[in-house]
Amino acid sequence: MDSADPQLARFLHQLQAETQRQKFTEQVHTLTGRCWDVCFSDYRPPSKMDGKTQTCIQNCVNRMIDASNFMVEHLSKMNGGV
């Protein structure tokens, strides 16, 4: 097949988009598990989330996102990007 084939290009674009969706889903799953372990000490969700737990989850998610963004930027700079 010729690399200029529009069907091949469309397929590769769809494949890349699906791969990105899968990585995002994986990251959300990992983030959820880590923050759950940190914020719910008895591993059972309360019947009603209190302010302390809600703040813990928000902080945990925000720190994970910050760390992820930092790593992406750092790796990009190491590879000569940005």
N, C-alpha and C. Protein backbone atom coordinates (compact mmCIF):
# COMPACT_ATOMS: atom_id res chain seq x y z
N MET A 1 0.82 -1.20 0.00
CA MET A 1 0.00 0.00 0.00
C MET A 1 0.86 1.25 0.00
N ASP A 2 0.39 2.23 -0.69
CA ASP A 2 1.09 3.52 -0.74
C ASP A 2 0.81 4.29 0.54
N SER A 3 1.83 4.96 1.09
CA SER A 3 1.66 5.70 2.34
C SER A 3 0.74 6.90 2.17
N ALA A 4 0.44 7.29 0.93
CA ALA A 4 -0.45 8.41 0.67
C ALA A 4 -1.90 7.95 0.56
N ASP A 5 -2.15 6.69 0.77
CA ASP A 5 -3.51 6.13 0.71
C ASP A 5 -4.39 6.79 1.77
N PRO A 6 -5.48 7.44 1.37
CA PRO A 6 -6.34 8.13 2.35
C PRO A 6 -6.99 7.18 3.36
N GLN A 7 -7.30 5.97 2.95
CA GLN A 7 -7.89 5.01 3.88
C GLN A 7 -6.88 4.61 4.95
N LEU A 8 -5.64 4.43 4.54
CA LEU A 8 -4.59 4.08 5.50
C LEU A 8 -4.37 5.24 6.47
N ALA A 9 -4.33 6.45 5.95
CA ALA A 9 -4.14 7.63 6.80
C ALA A 9 -5.28 7.76 7.80
N ARG A 10 -6.51 7.54 7.34
CA ARG A 10 -7.68 7.62 8.23
C ARG A 10 -7.60 6.53 9.31
N PHE A 11 -7.23 5.33 8.87
CA PHE A 11 -7.09 4.23 9.83
C PHE A 11 -6.03 4.54 10.89
N LEU A 12 -4.89 5.05 10.46
CA LEU A 12 -3.81 5.37 11.40
C LEU A 12 -4.24 6.48 12.36
N HIS A 13 -4.99 7.45 11.86
CA HIS A 13 -5.49 8.52 12.72
C HIS A 13 -6.47 7.96 13.75
N GLN A 14 -7.37 7.08 13.33
CA GLN A 14 -8.32 6.47 14.25
C GLN A 14 -7.60 5.60 15.28
N LEU A 15 -6.58 4.90 14.84
CA LEU A 15 -5.79 4.07 15.74
C LEU A 15 -5.10 4.92 16.80
N GLN A 16 -4.52 6.03 16.37
CA GLN A 16 -3.85 6.94 17.31
C GLN A 16 -4.85 7.53 18.30
N ALA A 17 -6.03 7.92 17.82
CA ALA A 17 -7.06 8.48 18.70
C ALA A 17 -7.51 7.44 19.72
N GLU A 18 -7.69 6.21 19.29
CA GLU A 18 -8.13 5.15 20.20
C GLU A 18 -7.05 4.86 21.23
N THR A 19 -5.79 4.87 20.81
CA THR A 19 -4.68 4.65 21.74
C THR A 19 -4.65 5.74 22.81
N GLN A 20 -4.87 6.98 22.40
CA GLN A 20 -4.89 8.09 23.36
C GLN A 20 -6.06 7.94 24.33
N ARG A 21 -7.23 7.53 23.83
CA ARG A 21 -8.38 7.31 24.72
C ARG A 21 -8.08 6.22 25.73
N GLN A 22 -7.44 5.16 25.27
CA GLN A 22 -7.10 4.05 26.15
C GLN A 22 -6.11 4.49 27.22
N LYS A 23 -5.11 5.27 26.85
CA LYS A 23 -4.14 5.77 27.83
C LYS A 23 -4.80 6.67 28.85
N PHE A 24 -5.72 7.52 28.39
CA PHE A 24 -6.45 8.41 29.29
C PHE A 24 -7.27 7.59 30.29
N THR A 25 -7.98 6.59 29.79
CA THR A 25 -8.79 5.73 30.66
C THR A 25 -7.91 5.02 31.69
N GLU A 26 -6.77 4.55 31.25
CA GLU A 26 -5.81 3.89 32.15
C GLU A 26 -5.33 4.85 33.24
N GLN A 27 -5.04 6.08 32.83
CA GLN A 27 -4.56 7.08 33.79
C GLN A 27 -5.64 7.41 34.81
N VAL A 28 -6.89 7.54 34.36
CA VAL A 28 -7.99 7.81 35.28
C VAL A 28 -8.14 6.66 36.27
N HIS A 29 -8.03 5.44 35.80
CA HIS A 29 -8.14 4.27 36.67
C HIS A 29 -7.03 4.27 37.73
N THR A 30 -5.81 4.54 37.31
CA THR A 30 -4.68 4.59 38.23
C THR A 30 -4.87 5.70 39.25
N LEU A 31 -5.27 6.86 38.78
CA LEU A 31 -5.49 8.02 39.64
C LEU A 31 -6.57 7.71 40.67
N THR A 32 -7.65 7.12 40.23
CA THR A 32 -8.75 6.77 41.12
C THR A 32 -8.28 5.81 42.21
N GLY A 33 -7.53 4.80 41.82
CA GLY A 33 -7.04 3.82 42.78
C GLY A 33 -6.11 4.43 43.81
N ARG A 34 -5.19 5.26 43.37
CA ARG A 34 -4.24 5.87 44.30
C ARG A 34 -4.93 6.82 45.26
N CYS A 35 -5.79 7.65 44.74
CA CYS A 35 -6.48 8.61 45.61
C CYS A 35 -7.45 7.90 46.56
N TRP A 36 -8.04 6.82 46.10
CA TRP A 36 -8.92 6.03 46.97
C TRP A 36 -8.11 5.49 48.15
N ASP A 37 -6.94 4.93 47.86
CA ASP A 37 -6.10 4.36 48.91
C ASP A 37 -5.66 5.43 49.91
N VAL A 38 -5.38 6.63 49.43
CA VAL A 38 -4.91 7.70 50.30
C VAL A 38 -6.05 8.27 51.15
N CYS A 39 -7.21 8.47 50.54
CA CYS A 39 -8.28 9.22 51.20
C CYS A 39 -9.30 8.37 51.95
N PHE A 40 -9.41 7.10 51.62
CA PHE A 40 -10.34 6.23 52.33
C PHE A 40 -9.54 5.18 53.09
N SER A 41 -9.25 5.47 54.33
CA SER A 41 -8.38 4.59 55.11
C SER A 41 -9.00 3.22 55.37
N ASP A 42 -10.31 3.13 55.46
CA ASP A 42 -10.92 1.82 55.74
C ASP A 42 -11.43 1.13 54.47
N TYR A 43 -11.12 1.69 53.29
CA TYR A 43 -11.43 1.12 51.98
C TYR A 43 -12.92 0.97 51.70
N ARG A 44 -13.75 1.62 52.50
CA ARG A 44 -15.19 1.61 52.23
C ARG A 44 -15.65 3.05 52.09
N PRO A 45 -16.41 3.32 51.06
CA PRO A 45 -16.90 4.69 50.93
C PRO A 45 -17.93 4.99 52.02
N PRO A 46 -17.88 6.18 52.57
CA PRO A 46 -18.87 6.53 53.58
C PRO A 46 -20.23 6.74 52.93
N SER A 47 -21.28 6.69 53.73
CA SER A 47 -22.62 6.90 53.17
C SER A 47 -22.75 8.33 52.66
N LYS A 48 -21.99 9.24 53.28
CA LYS A 48 -21.98 10.63 52.84
C LYS A 48 -20.54 11.13 52.97
N MET A 49 -20.02 11.74 51.91
CA MET A 49 -18.64 12.19 51.93
C MET A 49 -18.52 13.48 52.75
N ASP A 50 -17.63 13.47 53.73
CA ASP A 50 -17.42 14.67 54.54
C ASP A 50 -16.45 15.61 53.86
N GLY A 51 -16.35 16.81 54.38
CA GLY A 51 -15.50 17.83 53.79
C GLY A 51 -14.04 17.43 53.75
N LYS A 52 -13.57 16.76 54.80
CA LYS A 52 -12.17 16.35 54.87
C LYS A 52 -11.83 15.36 53.74
N THR A 53 -12.70 14.41 53.51
CA THR A 53 -12.48 13.42 52.46
C THR A 53 -12.56 14.07 51.08
N GLN A 54 -13.52 14.95 50.91
CA GLN A 54 -13.67 15.63 49.62
C GLN A 54 -12.42 16.46 49.31
N THR A 55 -11.92 17.17 50.32
CA THR A 55 -10.70 17.96 50.14
C THR A 55 -9.52 17.06 49.82
N CYS A 56 -9.42 15.93 50.50
CA CYS A 56 -8.34 14.98 50.26
C CYS A 56 -8.37 14.50 48.81
N ILE A 57 -9.52 14.14 48.32
CA ILE A 57 -9.64 13.65 46.94
C ILE A 57 -9.28 14.75 45.95
N GLN A 58 -9.79 15.96 46.17
CA GLN A 58 -9.47 17.07 45.28
C GLN A 58 -7.97 17.34 45.25
N ASN A 59 -7.35 17.39 46.43
CA ASN A 59 -5.90 17.63 46.50
C ASN A 59 -5.11 16.51 45.83
N CYS A 60 -5.53 15.29 46.07
CA CYS A 60 -4.84 14.13 45.49
C CYS A 60 -4.90 14.19 43.97
N VAL A 61 -6.08 14.40 43.43
CA VAL A 61 -6.23 14.47 41.97
C VAL A 61 -5.42 15.62 41.40
N ASN A 62 -5.49 16.77 42.04
CA ASN A 62 -4.73 17.93 41.55
C ASN A 62 -3.23 17.67 41.56
N ARG A 63 -2.70 17.03 42.62
CA ARG A 63 -1.27 16.73 42.68
C ARG A 63 -0.88 15.72 41.62
N MET A 64 -1.72 14.73 41.38
CA MET A 64 -1.42 13.73 40.35
C MET A 64 -1.38 14.38 38.97
N ILE A 65 -2.32 15.28 38.70
CA ILE A 65 -2.35 15.98 37.42
C ILE A 65 -1.11 16.85 37.29
N ASP A 66 -0.76 17.58 38.36
CA ASP A 66 0.45 18.41 38.33
C ASP A 66 1.69 17.57 38.04
N ALA A 67 1.79 16.43 38.71
CA ALA A 67 2.95 15.55 38.52
C ALA A 67 2.99 15.02 37.08
N SER A 68 1.84 14.64 36.57
CA SER A 68 1.78 14.13 35.20
C SER A 68 2.19 15.21 34.19
N ASN A 69 1.67 16.42 34.38
CA ASN A 69 2.03 17.52 33.48
C ASN A 69 3.52 17.84 33.57
N PHE A 70 4.07 17.81 34.77
CA PHE A 70 5.49 18.07 34.96
C PHE A 70 6.32 17.04 34.20
N MET A 71 5.94 15.77 34.32
CA MET A 71 6.69 14.71 33.66
C MET A 71 6.61 14.85 32.14
N VAL A 72 5.44 15.17 31.61
CA VAL A 72 5.29 15.34 30.16
C VAL A 72 6.17 16.49 29.68
N GLU A 73 6.16 17.61 30.40
CA GLU A 73 6.99 18.75 30.01
C GLU A 73 8.48 18.40 30.11
N HIS A 74 8.86 17.73 31.17
CA HIS A 74 10.26 17.35 31.36
C HIS A 74 10.73 16.41 30.25
N LEU A 75 9.94 15.40 29.94
CA LEU A 75 10.31 14.45 28.88
C LEU A 75 10.34 15.14 27.52
N SER A 76 9.42 16.07 27.31
CA SER A 76 9.41 16.81 26.06
C SER A 76 10.69 17.62 25.91
N LYS A 77 11.12 18.27 26.98
CA LYS A 77 12.35 19.06 26.94
C LYS A 77 13.57 18.17 26.72
N MET A 78 13.57 16.99 27.33
CA MET A 78 14.68 16.06 27.17
C MET A 78 14.78 15.56 25.72
N ASN A 79 13.62 15.47 25.06
CA ASN A 79 13.61 14.99 23.67
C ASN A 79 13.78 16.12 22.67
N GLY A 80 14.12 17.32 23.16
CA GLY A 80 14.37 18.45 22.26
C GLY A 80 13.13 19.20 21.85
N GLY A 81 12.00 18.88 22.44
CA GLY A 81 10.77 19.61 22.12
C GLY A 81 10.65 20.86 22.93
N VAL A 82 9.58 21.56 22.75
CA VAL A 82 9.22 22.83 23.44
C VAL A 82 10.39 23.72 23.71
